[in-house]
Amino acid sequence: MEHVAVTREALERDIAQLIIDTLNLEHLTATDIPVDQPLFGDGLGLDSVDALELALALQKNYAVRIESDVKDARRHFATIASLAAFVGTQRAACAD
Protein backbone atom coordinates (compact mmCIF):
# COMPACT_ATOMS: atom_id res chain seq x y z
CA MET A 1 0.00 0.00 0.00
CA GLU A 2 1.43 3.33 -1.06
CA HIS A 3 1.58 6.11 1.54
CA VAL A 4 0.21 9.33 0.07
CA ALA A 5 1.18 12.62 1.67
CA VAL A 6 -1.78 14.80 2.50
CA THR A 7 -1.36 18.56 2.66
CA ARG A 8 -2.18 20.28 5.94
CA GLU A 9 -4.94 22.26 4.19
CA ALA A 10 -6.56 19.07 2.85
CA LEU A 11 -6.35 17.43 6.27
CA GLU A 12 -7.91 20.51 7.90
CA ARG A 13 -10.75 20.44 5.35
CA ASP A 14 -11.27 16.71 5.92
CA ILE A 15 -11.36 17.17 9.71
CA ALA A 16 -13.83 20.05 9.37
CA GLN A 17 -16.07 17.80 7.26
CA LEU A 18 -15.65 14.99 9.80
CA ILE A 19 -16.81 17.35 12.56
CA ILE A 20 -19.85 18.36 10.49
CA ASP A 21 -20.74 14.76 9.63
CA THR A 22 -20.09 13.31 13.09
CA LEU A 23 -21.96 16.00 15.01
CA ASN A 24 -24.79 16.49 12.49
CA LEU A 25 -23.95 20.14 11.79
CA GLU A 26 -25.57 20.04 8.34
CA HIS A 27 -26.14 23.79 8.37
CA LEU A 28 -22.36 24.23 8.00
CA THR A 29 -19.84 23.46 5.28
CA ALA A 30 -16.17 22.72 5.83
CA THR A 31 -15.26 26.21 4.64
CA ASP A 32 -17.66 27.78 7.18
CA ILE A 33 -15.41 26.78 10.07
CA PRO A 34 -12.18 28.80 10.27
CA VAL A 35 -9.28 26.47 11.07
CA ASP A 36 -8.24 28.68 13.99
CA GLN A 37 -11.74 29.09 15.47
CA PRO A 38 -12.08 27.53 18.93
CA LEU A 39 -14.17 24.36 18.74
CA PHE A 40 -15.52 24.73 22.28
CA GLY A 41 -17.10 27.53 24.27
CA ASP A 42 -17.64 30.76 22.36
CA GLY A 43 -16.25 29.27 19.17
CA LEU A 44 -18.14 26.45 17.48
CA GLY A 45 -19.86 25.68 20.78
CA LEU A 46 -18.99 22.00 21.11
CA ASP A 47 -19.22 20.27 24.50
CA SER A 48 -17.63 17.27 26.21
CA VAL A 49 -20.06 14.79 24.63
CA ASP A 50 -19.15 16.21 21.21
CA ALA A 51 -15.47 15.77 22.11
CA LEU A 52 -16.01 12.07 22.85
CA GLU A 53 -17.89 11.52 19.60
CA LEU A 54 -15.21 13.41 17.68
CA ALA A 55 -12.40 11.42 19.34
CA LEU A 56 -14.08 8.17 18.26
CA ALA A 57 -14.54 9.46 14.72
CA LEU A 58 -10.88 10.54 14.54
CA GLN A 59 -9.82 7.12 15.79
CA LYS A 60 -11.97 5.38 13.21
CA ASN A 61 -11.02 7.59 10.26
CA TYR A 62 -7.36 8.30 10.96
CA ALA A 63 -6.32 5.39 13.23
CA VAL A 64 -5.16 7.79 15.96
CA ARG A 65 -5.89 7.52 19.65
CA ILE A 66 -6.52 10.48 21.87
CA GLU A 67 -6.48 9.37 25.49
CA SER A 68 -9.08 11.26 27.53
CA ASP A 69 -6.74 11.49 30.52
CA VAL A 70 -3.90 13.03 28.54
CA LYS A 71 -3.49 16.65 29.58
CA ASP A 72 -2.66 17.58 25.99
CA ALA A 73 -6.06 16.34 24.73
CA ARG A 74 -7.65 19.71 25.44
CA ARG A 75 -4.92 21.44 23.45
CA HIS A 76 -5.30 18.99 20.54
CA PHE A 77 -9.06 19.66 20.42
CA ALA A 78 -8.71 23.45 20.58
CA THR A 79 -9.13 24.13 16.84
CA ILE A 80 -9.28 22.33 13.51
CA ALA A 81 -5.68 23.42 12.93
CA SER A 82 -4.52 21.85 16.22
CA LEU A 83 -6.42 18.62 15.44
CA ALA A 84 -4.85 18.48 11.98
CA ALA A 85 -1.39 19.00 13.48
CA PHE A 86 -2.01 16.20 15.99
CA VAL A 87 -3.38 13.79 13.37
CA GLY A 88 -0.50 14.62 11.02
CA THR A 89 2.06 13.97 13.79
CA GLN A 90 0.40 10.69 14.77
CA ARG A 91 0.20 9.48 11.18
CA ALA A 92 3.85 10.36 10.57
CA ALA A 93 4.86 8.45 13.72
CA CYS A 94 2.90 5.39 12.56
CA ALA A 95 4.48 5.56 9.09
CA ASP A 96 8.00 5.28 10.53
PDB file of N, CA and C in Angstrom:
ATOM      1  N   MET A   1       0.850  -1.187   0.000  1.00  0.00           N
ATOM      2  CA  MET A   1       0.000   0.000   0.000  1.00  0.00           C
ATOM      3  C   MET A   1       0.888   1.240   0.000  1.00  0.00           C
ATOM      4  N   GLU A   2       0.624   2.127  -0.907  1.00  0.00           N
ATOM      5  CA  GLU A   2       1.428   3.326  -1.060  1.00  0.00           C
ATOM      6  C   GLU A   2       0.960   4.403  -0.090  1.00  0.00           C
ATOM      7  N   HIS A   3       1.899   5.030   0.607  1.00  0.00           N
ATOM      8  CA  HIS A   3       1.577   6.112   1.537  1.00  0.00           C
ATOM      9  C   HIS A   3       1.523   7.430   0.763  1.00  0.00           C
ATOM     10  N   VAL A   4       0.385   8.077   0.801  1.00  0.00           N
ATOM     11  CA  VAL A   4       0.208   9.327   0.066  1.00  0.00           C
ATOM     12  C   VAL A   4       0.241  10.489   1.063  1.00  0.00           C
ATOM     13  N   ALA A   5       1.096  11.438   0.807  1.00  0.00           N
ATOM     14  CA  ALA A   5       1.181  12.616   1.666  1.00  0.00           C
ATOM     15  C   ALA A   5      -0.054  13.489   1.454  1.00  0.00           C
ATOM     16  N   VAL A   6      -0.604  13.946   2.545  1.00  0.00           N
ATOM     17  CA  VAL A   6      -1.778  14.805   2.500  1.00  0.00           C
ATOM     18  C   VAL A   6      -1.351  16.183   2.973  1.00  0.00           C
ATOM     19  N   THR A   7      -1.730  17.212   2.244  1.00  0.00           N
ATOM     20  CA  THR A   7      -1.365  18.562   2.664  1.00  0.00           C
ATOM     21  C   THR A   7      -2.117  18.922   3.937  1.00  0.00           C
ATOM     22  N   ARG A   8      -1.548  19.832   4.695  1.00  0.00           N
ATOM     23  CA  ARG A   8      -2.180  20.285   5.939  1.00  0.00           C
ATOM     24  C   ARG A   8      -3.559  20.873   5.632  1.00  0.00           C
ATOM     25  N   GLU A   9      -3.665  21.641   4.540  1.00  0.00           N
ATOM     26  CA  GLU A   9      -4.945  22.256   4.186  1.00  0.00           C
ATOM     27  C   GLU A   9      -5.998  21.192   3.880  1.00  0.00           C
ATOM     28  N   ALA A  10      -5.614  20.143   3.170  1.00  0.00           N
ATOM     29  CA  ALA A  10      -6.558  19.065   2.847  1.00  0.00           C
ATOM     30  C   ALA A  10      -6.982  18.335   4.110  1.00  0.00           C
ATOM     31  N   LEU A  11      -6.041  18.101   5.012  1.00  0.00           N
ATOM     32  CA  LEU A  11      -6.355  17.433   6.268  1.00  0.00           C
ATOM     33  C   LEU A  11      -7.287  18.297   7.112  1.00  0.00           C
ATOM     34  N   GLU A  12      -7.030  19.596   7.158  1.00  0.00           N
ATOM     35  CA  GLU A  12      -7.912  20.510   7.902  1.00  0.00           C
ATOM     36  C   GLU A  12      -9.321  20.485   7.326  1.00  0.00           C
ATOM     37  N   ARG A  13      -9.435  20.487   6.009  1.00  0.00           N
ATOM     38  CA  ARG A  13     -10.746  20.438   5.350  1.00  0.00           C
ATOM     39  C   ARG A  13     -11.456  19.119   5.655  1.00  0.00           C
ATOM     40  N   ASP A  14     -10.702  18.016   5.611  1.00  0.00           N
ATOM     41  CA  ASP A  14     -11.270  16.707   5.921  1.00  0.00           C
ATOM     42  C   ASP A  14     -11.755  16.632   7.368  1.00  0.00           C
ATOM     43  N   ILE A  15     -10.969  17.188   8.292  1.00  0.00           N
ATOM     44  CA  ILE A  15     -11.363  17.174   9.705  1.00  0.00           C
ATOM     45  C   ILE A  15     -12.581  18.056   9.924  1.00  0.00           C
ATOM     46  N   ALA A  16     -12.640  19.198   9.260  1.00  0.00           N
ATOM     47  CA  ALA A  16     -13.831  20.053   9.365  1.00  0.00           C
ATOM     48  C   ALA A  16     -15.064  19.296   8.894  1.00  0.00           C
ATOM     49  N   GLN A  17     -14.937  18.578   7.779  1.00  0.00           N
ATOM     50  CA  GLN A  17     -16.068  17.798   7.262  1.00  0.00           C
ATOM     51  C   GLN A  17     -16.418  16.656   8.216  1.00  0.00           C
ATOM     52  N   LEU A  18     -15.412  16.053   8.823  1.00  0.00           N
ATOM     53  CA  LEU A  18     -15.645  14.990   9.795  1.00  0.00           C
ATOM     54  C   LEU A  18     -16.432  15.525  10.993  1.00  0.00           C
ATOM     55  N   ILE A  19     -16.084  16.720  11.451  1.00  0.00           N
ATOM     56  CA  ILE A  19     -16.809  17.351  12.562  1.00  0.00           C
ATOM     57  C   ILE A  19     -18.272  17.560  12.166  1.00  0.00           C
ATOM     58  N   ILE A  20     -18.486  18.097  10.979  1.00  0.00           N
ATOM     59  CA  ILE A  20     -19.847  18.358  10.494  1.00  0.00           C
ATOM     60  C   ILE A  20     -20.645  17.059  10.404  1.00  0.00           C
ATOM     61  N   ASP A  21     -20.047  16.032   9.809  1.00  0.00           N
ATOM     62  CA  ASP A  21     -20.744  14.758   9.632  1.00  0.00           C
ATOM     63  C   ASP A  21     -20.991  14.045  10.957  1.00  0.00           C
ATOM     64  N   THR A  22     -19.992  14.026  11.821  1.00  0.00           N
ATOM     65  CA  THR A  22     -20.089  13.313  13.090  1.00  0.00           C
ATOM     66  C   THR A  22     -21.097  13.958  14.028  1.00  0.00           C
ATOM     67  N   LEU A  23     -21.122  15.281  14.047  1.00  0.00           N
ATOM     68  CA  LEU A  23     -21.960  15.997  15.015  1.00  0.00           C
ATOM     69  C   LEU A  23     -23.240  16.544  14.391  1.00  0.00           C
ATOM     70  N   ASN A  24     -23.550  16.089  13.170  1.00  0.00           N
ATOM     71  CA  ASN A  24     -24.792  16.490  12.492  1.00  0.00           C
ATOM     72  C   ASN A  24     -24.963  18.000  12.411  1.00  0.00           C
ATOM     73  N   LEU A  25     -23.927  18.678  11.946  1.00  0.00           N
ATOM     74  CA  LEU A  25     -23.955  20.136  11.790  1.00  0.00           C
ATOM     75  C   LEU A  25     -24.205  20.476  10.322  1.00  0.00           C
ATOM     76  N   GLU A  26     -25.291  19.916   9.777  1.00  0.00           N
ATOM     77  CA  GLU A  26     -25.575  20.040   8.344  1.00  0.00           C
ATOM     78  C   GLU A  26     -25.721  21.478   7.857  1.00  0.00           C
ATOM     79  N   HIS A  27     -25.989  22.392   8.764  1.00  0.00           N
ATOM     80  CA  HIS A  27     -26.137  23.793   8.366  1.00  0.00           C
ATOM     81  C   HIS A  27     -24.785  24.440   8.035  1.00  0.00           C
ATOM     82  N   LEU A  28     -23.689  23.708   8.269  1.00  0.00           N
ATOM     83  CA  LEU A  28     -22.360  24.233   7.999  1.00  0.00           C
ATOM     84  C   LEU A  28     -21.689  23.472   6.855  1.00  0.00           C
ATOM     85  N   THR A  29     -20.723  24.139   6.232  1.00  0.00           N
ATOM     86  CA  THR A  29     -19.840  23.464   5.281  1.00  0.00           C
ATOM     87  C   THR A  29     -18.432  23.538   5.858  1.00  0.00           C
ATOM     88  N   ALA A  30     -17.541  22.737   5.321  1.00  0.00           N
ATOM     89  CA  ALA A  30     -16.167  22.718   5.835  1.00  0.00           C
ATOM     90  C   ALA A  30     -15.515  24.091   5.772  1.00  0.00           C
ATOM     91  N   THR A  31     -15.859  24.871   4.771  1.00  0.00           N
ATOM     92  CA  THR A  31     -15.259  26.208   4.645  1.00  0.00           C
ATOM     93  C   THR A  31     -15.894  27.230   5.583  1.00  0.00           C
ATOM     94  N   ASP A  32     -17.019  26.872   6.223  1.00  0.00           N
ATOM     95  CA  ASP A  32     -17.659  27.781   7.176  1.00  0.00           C
ATOM     96  C   ASP A  32     -16.920  27.842   8.510  1.00  0.00           C
ATOM     97  N   ILE A  33     -16.088  26.851   8.772  1.00  0.00           N
ATOM     98  CA  ILE A  33     -15.413  26.777  10.070  1.00  0.00           C
ATOM     99  C   ILE A  33     -13.949  27.189   9.889  1.00  0.00           C
ATOM    100  N   PRO A  34     -13.583  28.386  10.371  1.00  0.00           N
ATOM    101  CA  PRO A  34     -12.179  28.802  10.273  1.00  0.00           C
ATOM    102  C   PRO A  34     -11.286  27.817  11.035  1.00  0.00           C
ATOM    103  N   VAL A  35     -10.138  27.485  10.462  1.00  0.00           N
ATOM    104  CA  VAL A  35      -9.277  26.472  11.072  1.00  0.00           C
ATOM    105  C   VAL A  35      -8.741  26.903  12.435  1.00  0.00           C
ATOM    106  N   ASP A  36      -8.742  28.203  12.710  1.00  0.00           N
ATOM    107  CA  ASP A  36      -8.243  28.684  13.994  1.00  0.00           C
ATOM    108  C   ASP A  36      -9.361  29.089  14.956  1.00  0.00           C
ATOM    109  N   GLN A  37     -10.616  28.801  14.593  1.00  0.00           N
ATOM    110  CA  GLN A  37     -11.744  29.094  15.473  1.00  0.00           C
ATOM    111  C   GLN A  37     -11.785  28.057  16.597  1.00  0.00           C
ATOM    112  N   PRO A  38     -11.945  28.504  17.850  1.00  0.00           N
ATOM    113  CA  PRO A  38     -12.079  27.533  18.934  1.00  0.00           C
ATOM    114  C   PRO A  38     -13.273  26.605  18.670  1.00  0.00           C
ATOM    115  N   LEU A  39     -13.086  25.315  18.952  1.00  0.00           N
ATOM    116  CA  LEU A  39     -14.165  24.362  18.742  1.00  0.00           C
ATOM    117  C   LEU A  39     -15.142  24.344  19.905  1.00  0.00           C
ATOM    118  N   PHE A  40     -14.686  24.763  21.076  1.00  0.00           N
ATOM    119  CA  PHE A  40     -15.522  24.726  22.276  1.00  0.00           C
ATOM    120  C   PHE A  40     -15.814  26.135  22.774  1.00  0.00           C
ATOM    121  N   GLY A  41     -16.770  26.244  23.677  1.00  0.00           N
ATOM    122  CA  GLY A  41     -17.103  27.532  24.274  1.00  0.00           C
ATOM    123  C   GLY A  41     -17.680  28.495  23.259  1.00  0.00           C
ATOM    124  N   ASP A  42     -17.126  29.701  23.227  1.00  0.00           N
ATOM    125  CA  ASP A  42     -17.643  30.757  22.363  1.00  0.00           C
ATOM    126  C   ASP A  42     -17.344  30.546  20.887  1.00  0.00           C
ATOM    127  N   GLY A  43     -16.557  29.547  20.568  1.00  0.00           N
ATOM    128  CA  GLY A  43     -16.246  29.267  19.170  1.00  0.00           C
ATOM    129  C   GLY A  43     -17.385  28.521  18.511  1.00  0.00           C
ATOM    130  N   LEU A  44     -17.137  27.274  18.140  1.00  0.00           N
ATOM    131  CA  LEU A  44     -18.143  26.451  17.476  1.00  0.00           C
ATOM    132  C   LEU A  44     -19.205  25.973  18.458  1.00  0.00           C
ATOM    133  N   GLY A  45     -18.882  26.010  19.745  1.00  0.00           N
ATOM    134  CA  GLY A  45     -19.865  25.678  20.778  1.00  0.00           C
ATOM    135  C   GLY A  45     -19.980  24.196  21.104  1.00  0.00           C
ATOM    136  N   LEU A  46     -18.949  23.415  20.801  1.00  0.00           N
ATOM    137  CA  LEU A  46     -18.988  21.995  21.114  1.00  0.00           C
ATOM    138  C   LEU A  46     -18.873  21.784  22.626  1.00  0.00           C
ATOM    139  N   ASP A  47     -19.318  20.591  23.080  1.00  0.00           N
ATOM    140  CA  ASP A  47     -19.224  20.270  24.502  1.00  0.00           C
ATOM    141  C   ASP A  47     -18.474  18.955  24.686  1.00  0.00           C
ATOM    142  N   SER A  48     -18.416  18.460  25.920  1.00  0.00           N
ATOM    143  CA  SER A  48     -17.625  17.270  26.214  1.00  0.00           C
ATOM    144  C   SER A  48     -18.169  16.022  25.524  1.00  0.00           C
ATOM    145  N   VAL A  49     -19.476  15.925  25.349  1.00  0.00           N
ATOM    146  CA  VAL A  49     -20.060  14.786  24.632  1.00  0.00           C
ATOM    147  C   VAL A  49     -19.617  14.838  23.169  1.00  0.00           C
ATOM    148  N   ASP A  50     -19.633  16.040  22.590  1.00  0.00           N
ATOM    149  CA  ASP A  50     -19.150  16.214  21.212  1.00  0.00           C
ATOM    150  C   ASP A  50     -17.684  15.787  21.108  1.00  0.00           C
ATOM    151  N   ALA A  51     -16.887  16.123  22.121  1.00  0.00           N
ATOM    152  CA  ALA A  51     -15.471  15.771  22.113  1.00  0.00           C
ATOM    153  C   ALA A  51     -15.286  14.260  22.080  1.00  0.00           C
ATOM    154  N   LEU A  52     -16.093  13.534  22.850  1.00  0.00           N
ATOM    155  CA  LEU A  52     -16.007  12.072  22.853  1.00  0.00           C
ATOM    156  C   LEU A  52     -16.377  11.495  21.497  1.00  0.00           C
ATOM    157  N   GLU A  53     -17.468  11.993  20.919  1.00  0.00           N
ATOM    158  CA  GLU A  53     -17.887  11.520  19.600  1.00  0.00           C
ATOM    159  C   GLU A  53     -16.813  11.816  18.547  1.00  0.00           C
ATOM    160  N   LEU A  54     -16.247  13.005  18.637  1.00  0.00           N
ATOM    161  CA  LEU A  54     -15.212  13.407  17.685  1.00  0.00           C
ATOM    162  C   LEU A  54     -13.954  12.559  17.855  1.00  0.00           C
ATOM    163  N   ALA A  55     -13.576  12.262  19.087  1.00  0.00           N
ATOM    164  CA  ALA A  55     -12.405  11.422  19.341  1.00  0.00           C
ATOM    165  C   ALA A  55     -12.603  10.040  18.720  1.00  0.00           C
ATOM    166  N   LEU A  56     -13.795   9.476  18.859  1.00  0.00           N
ATOM    167  CA  LEU A  56     -14.084   8.172  18.264  1.00  0.00           C
ATOM    168  C   LEU A  56     -14.025   8.234  16.743  1.00  0.00           C
ATOM    169  N   ALA A  57     -14.558   9.301  16.175  1.00  0.00           N
ATOM    170  CA  ALA A  57     -14.535   9.465  14.716  1.00  0.00           C
ATOM    171  C   ALA A  57     -13.105   9.617  14.209  1.00  0.00           C
ATOM    172  N   LEU A  58     -12.282  10.371  14.926  1.00  0.00           N
ATOM    173  CA  LEU A  58     -10.880  10.538  14.542  1.00  0.00           C
ATOM    174  C   LEU A  58     -10.152   9.204  14.612  1.00  0.00           C
ATOM    175  N   GLN A  59     -10.450   8.433  15.648  1.00  0.00           N
ATOM    176  CA  GLN A  59      -9.815   7.122  15.792  1.00  0.00           C
ATOM    177  C   GLN A  59     -10.208   6.211  14.637  1.00  0.00           C
ATOM    178  N   LYS A  60     -11.478   6.234  14.289  1.00  0.00           N
ATOM    179  CA  LYS A  60     -11.975   5.377  13.209  1.00  0.00           C
ATOM    180  C   LYS A  60     -11.419   5.798  11.847  1.00  0.00           C
ATOM    181  N   ASN A  61     -11.414   7.095  11.572  1.00  0.00           N
ATOM    182  CA  ASN A  61     -11.025   7.594  10.257  1.00  0.00           C
ATOM    183  C   ASN A  61      -9.522   7.734  10.044  1.00  0.00           C
ATOM    184  N   TYR A  62      -8.789   8.024  11.110  1.00  0.00           N
ATOM    185  CA  TYR A  62      -7.361   8.301  10.956  1.00  0.00           C
ATOM    186  C   TYR A  62      -6.472   7.350  11.752  1.00  0.00           C
ATOM    187  N   ALA A  63      -7.081   6.373  12.437  1.00  0.00           N
ATOM    188  CA  ALA A  63      -6.323   5.395  13.231  1.00  0.00           C
ATOM    189  C   ALA A  63      -5.412   6.067  14.251  1.00  0.00           C
ATOM    190  N   VAL A  64      -5.907   7.126  14.885  1.00  0.00           N
ATOM    191  CA  VAL A  64      -5.165   7.789  15.961  1.00  0.00           C
ATOM    192  C   VAL A  64      -5.954   7.618  17.248  1.00  0.00           C
ATOM    193  N   ARG A  65      -5.237   7.603  18.346  1.00  0.00           N
ATOM    194  CA  ARG A  65      -5.893   7.520  19.649  1.00  0.00           C
ATOM    195  C   ARG A  65      -5.613   8.797  20.425  1.00  0.00           C
ATOM    196  N   ILE A  66      -6.666   9.321  21.001  1.00  0.00           N
ATOM    197  CA  ILE A  66      -6.522  10.476  21.873  1.00  0.00           C
ATOM    198  C   ILE A  66      -7.030  10.035  23.236  1.00  0.00           C
ATOM    199  N   GLU A  67      -6.109   9.831  24.152  1.00  0.00           N
ATOM    200  CA  GLU A  67      -6.484   9.374  25.489  1.00  0.00           C
ATOM    201  C   GLU A  67      -7.168  10.515  26.231  1.00  0.00           C
ATOM    202  N   SER A  68      -8.306  10.216  26.848  1.00  0.00           N
ATOM    203  CA  SER A  68      -9.075  11.260  27.528  1.00  0.00           C
ATOM    204  C   SER A  68      -8.354  11.799  28.758  1.00  0.00           C
ATOM    205  N   ASP A  69      -7.440  11.011  29.330  1.00  0.00           N
ATOM    206  CA  ASP A  69      -6.740  11.488  30.519  1.00  0.00           C
ATOM    207  C   ASP A  69      -5.431  12.210  30.196  1.00  0.00           C
ATOM    208  N   VAL A  70      -5.122  12.325  28.928  1.00  0.00           N
ATOM    209  CA  VAL A  70      -3.904  13.033  28.542  1.00  0.00           C
ATOM    210  C   VAL A  70      -4.158  14.537  28.648  1.00  0.00           C
ATOM    211  N   LYS A  71      -3.272  15.217  29.361  1.00  0.00           N
ATOM    212  CA  LYS A  71      -3.491  16.646  29.578  1.00  0.00           C
ATOM    213  C   LYS A  71      -3.432  17.438  28.282  1.00  0.00           C
ATOM    214  N   ASP A  72      -2.755  16.889  27.271  1.00  0.00           N
ATOM    215  CA  ASP A  72      -2.659  17.583  25.995  1.00  0.00           C
ATOM    216  C   ASP A  72      -3.917  17.450  25.146  1.00  0.00           C
ATOM    217  N   ALA A  73      -4.848  16.558  25.527  1.00  0.00           N
ATOM    218  CA  ALA A  73      -6.055  16.339  24.727  1.00  0.00           C
ATOM    219  C   ALA A  73      -6.820  17.641  24.518  1.00  0.00           C
ATOM    220  N   ARG A  74      -6.937  18.440  25.556  1.00  0.00           N
ATOM    221  CA  ARG A  74      -7.653  19.714  25.440  1.00  0.00           C
ATOM    222  C   ARG A  74      -6.984  20.624  24.414  1.00  0.00           C
ATOM    223  N   ARG A  75      -5.661  20.613  24.401  1.00  0.00           N
ATOM    224  CA  ARG A  75      -4.915  21.439  23.446  1.00  0.00           C
ATOM    225  C   ARG A  75      -5.116  20.912  22.026  1.00  0.00           C
ATOM    226  N   HIS A  76      -5.097  19.582  21.858  1.00  0.00           N
ATOM    227  CA  HIS A  76      -5.301  18.992  20.536  1.00  0.00           C
ATOM    228  C   HIS A  76      -6.676  19.336  19.975  1.00  0.00           C
ATOM    229  N   PHE A  77      -7.681  19.404  20.838  1.00  0.00           N
ATOM    230  CA  PHE A  77      -9.057  19.659  20.415  1.00  0.00           C
ATOM    231  C   PHE A  77      -9.408  21.143  20.370  1.00  0.00           C
ATOM    232  N   ALA A  78      -8.436  22.019  20.515  1.00  0.00           N
ATOM    233  CA  ALA A  78      -8.715  23.452  20.576  1.00  0.00           C
ATOM    234  C   ALA A  78      -9.309  23.985  19.276  1.00  0.00           C
ATOM    235  N   THR A  79      -8.715  23.621  18.145  1.00  0.00           N
ATOM    236  CA  THR A  79      -9.133  24.131  16.839  1.00  0.00           C
ATOM    237  C   THR A  79      -8.974  23.027  15.794  1.00  0.00           C
ATOM    238  N   ILE A  80      -9.495  23.269  14.621  1.00  0.00           N
ATOM    239  CA  ILE A  80      -9.282  22.330  13.511  1.00  0.00           C
ATOM    240  C   ILE A  80      -7.794  22.261  13.186  1.00  0.00           C
ATOM    241  N   ALA A  81      -7.113  23.390  13.223  1.00  0.00           N
ATOM    242  CA  ALA A  81      -5.679  23.419  12.927  1.00  0.00           C
ATOM    243  C   ALA A  81      -4.900  22.568  13.928  1.00  0.00           C
ATOM    244  N   SER A  82      -5.244  22.641  15.220  1.00  0.00           N
ATOM    245  CA  SER A  82      -4.522  21.846  16.215  1.00  0.00           C
ATOM    246  C   SER A  82      -4.838  20.361  16.063  1.00  0.00           C
ATOM    247  N   LEU A  83      -6.074  20.023  15.702  1.00  0.00           N
ATOM    248  CA  LEU A  83      -6.419  18.624  15.443  1.00  0.00           C
ATOM    249  C   LEU A  83      -5.657  18.089  14.233  1.00  0.00           C
ATOM    250  N   ALA A  84      -5.579  18.892  13.175  1.00  0.00           N
ATOM    251  CA  ALA A  84      -4.850  18.476  11.976  1.00  0.00           C
ATOM    252  C   ALA A  84      -3.375  18.275  12.294  1.00  0.00           C
ATOM    253  N   ALA A  85      -2.799  19.149  13.101  1.00  0.00           N
ATOM    254  CA  ALA A  85      -1.393  19.003  13.481  1.00  0.00           C
ATOM    255  C   ALA A  85      -1.192  17.711  14.267  1.00  0.00           C
ATOM    256  N   PHE A  86      -2.103  17.422  15.197  1.00  0.00           N
ATOM    257  CA  PHE A  86      -2.014  16.204  15.992  1.00  0.00           C
ATOM    258  C   PHE A  86      -2.145  14.962  15.112  1.00  0.00           C
ATOM    259  N   VAL A  87      -3.161  14.933  14.257  1.00  0.00           N
ATOM    260  CA  VAL A  87      -3.379  13.786  13.369  1.00  0.00           C
ATOM    261  C   VAL A  87      -2.162  13.605  12.451  1.00  0.00           C
ATOM    262  N   GLY A  88      -1.673  14.701  11.897  1.00  0.00           N
ATOM    263  CA  GLY A  88      -0.504  14.624  11.023  1.00  0.00           C
ATOM    264  C   GLY A  88       0.709  14.056  11.739  1.00  0.00           C
ATOM    265  N   THR A  89       0.936  14.474  12.985  1.00  0.00           N
ATOM    266  CA  THR A  89       2.058  13.973  13.786  1.00  0.00           C
ATOM    267  C   THR A  89       1.883  12.491  14.085  1.00  0.00           C
ATOM    268  N   GLN A  90       0.661  12.096  14.450  1.00  0.00           N
ATOM    269  CA  GLN A  90       0.396  10.694  14.770  1.00  0.00           C
ATOM    270  C   GLN A  90       0.568   9.799  13.536  1.00  0.00           C
ATOM    271  N   ARG A  91       0.086  10.267  12.410  1.00  0.00           N
ATOM    272  CA  ARG A  91       0.199   9.479  11.176  1.00  0.00           C
ATOM    273  C   ARG A  91       1.660   9.345  10.760  1.00  0.00           C
ATOM    274  N   ALA A  92       2.433  10.408  10.912  1.00  0.00           N
ATOM    275  CA  ALA A  92       3.849  10.356  10.565  1.00  0.00           C
ATOM    276  C   ALA A  92       4.584   9.384  11.488  1.00  0.00           C
ATOM    277  N   ALA A  93       4.233   9.360  12.769  1.00  0.00           N
ATOM    278  CA  ALA A  93       4.860   8.451  13.720  1.00  0.00           C
ATOM    279  C   ALA A  93       4.540   6.994  13.368  1.00  0.00           C
ATOM    280  N   CYS A  94       3.316   6.756  12.927  1.00  0.00           N
ATOM    281  CA  CYS A  94       2.900   5.387  12.560  1.00  0.00           C
ATOM    282  C   CYS A  94       3.563   4.942  11.253  1.00  0.00           C
ATOM    283  N   ALA A  95       3.893   5.891  10.390  1.00  0.00           N
ATOM    284  CA  ALA A  95       4.480   5.560   9.094  1.00  0.00           C
ATOM    285  C   ALA A  95       5.953   5.161   9.225  1.00  0.00           C
ATOM    286  N   ASP A  96       6.572   5.586  10.338  1.00  0.00           N
ATOM    287  CA  ASP A  96       8.001   5.275  10.533  1.00  0.00           C
ATOM    288  C   ASP A  96       8.222   3.823  10.870  1.00  0.00           C
TER     289      ASP A  96
END
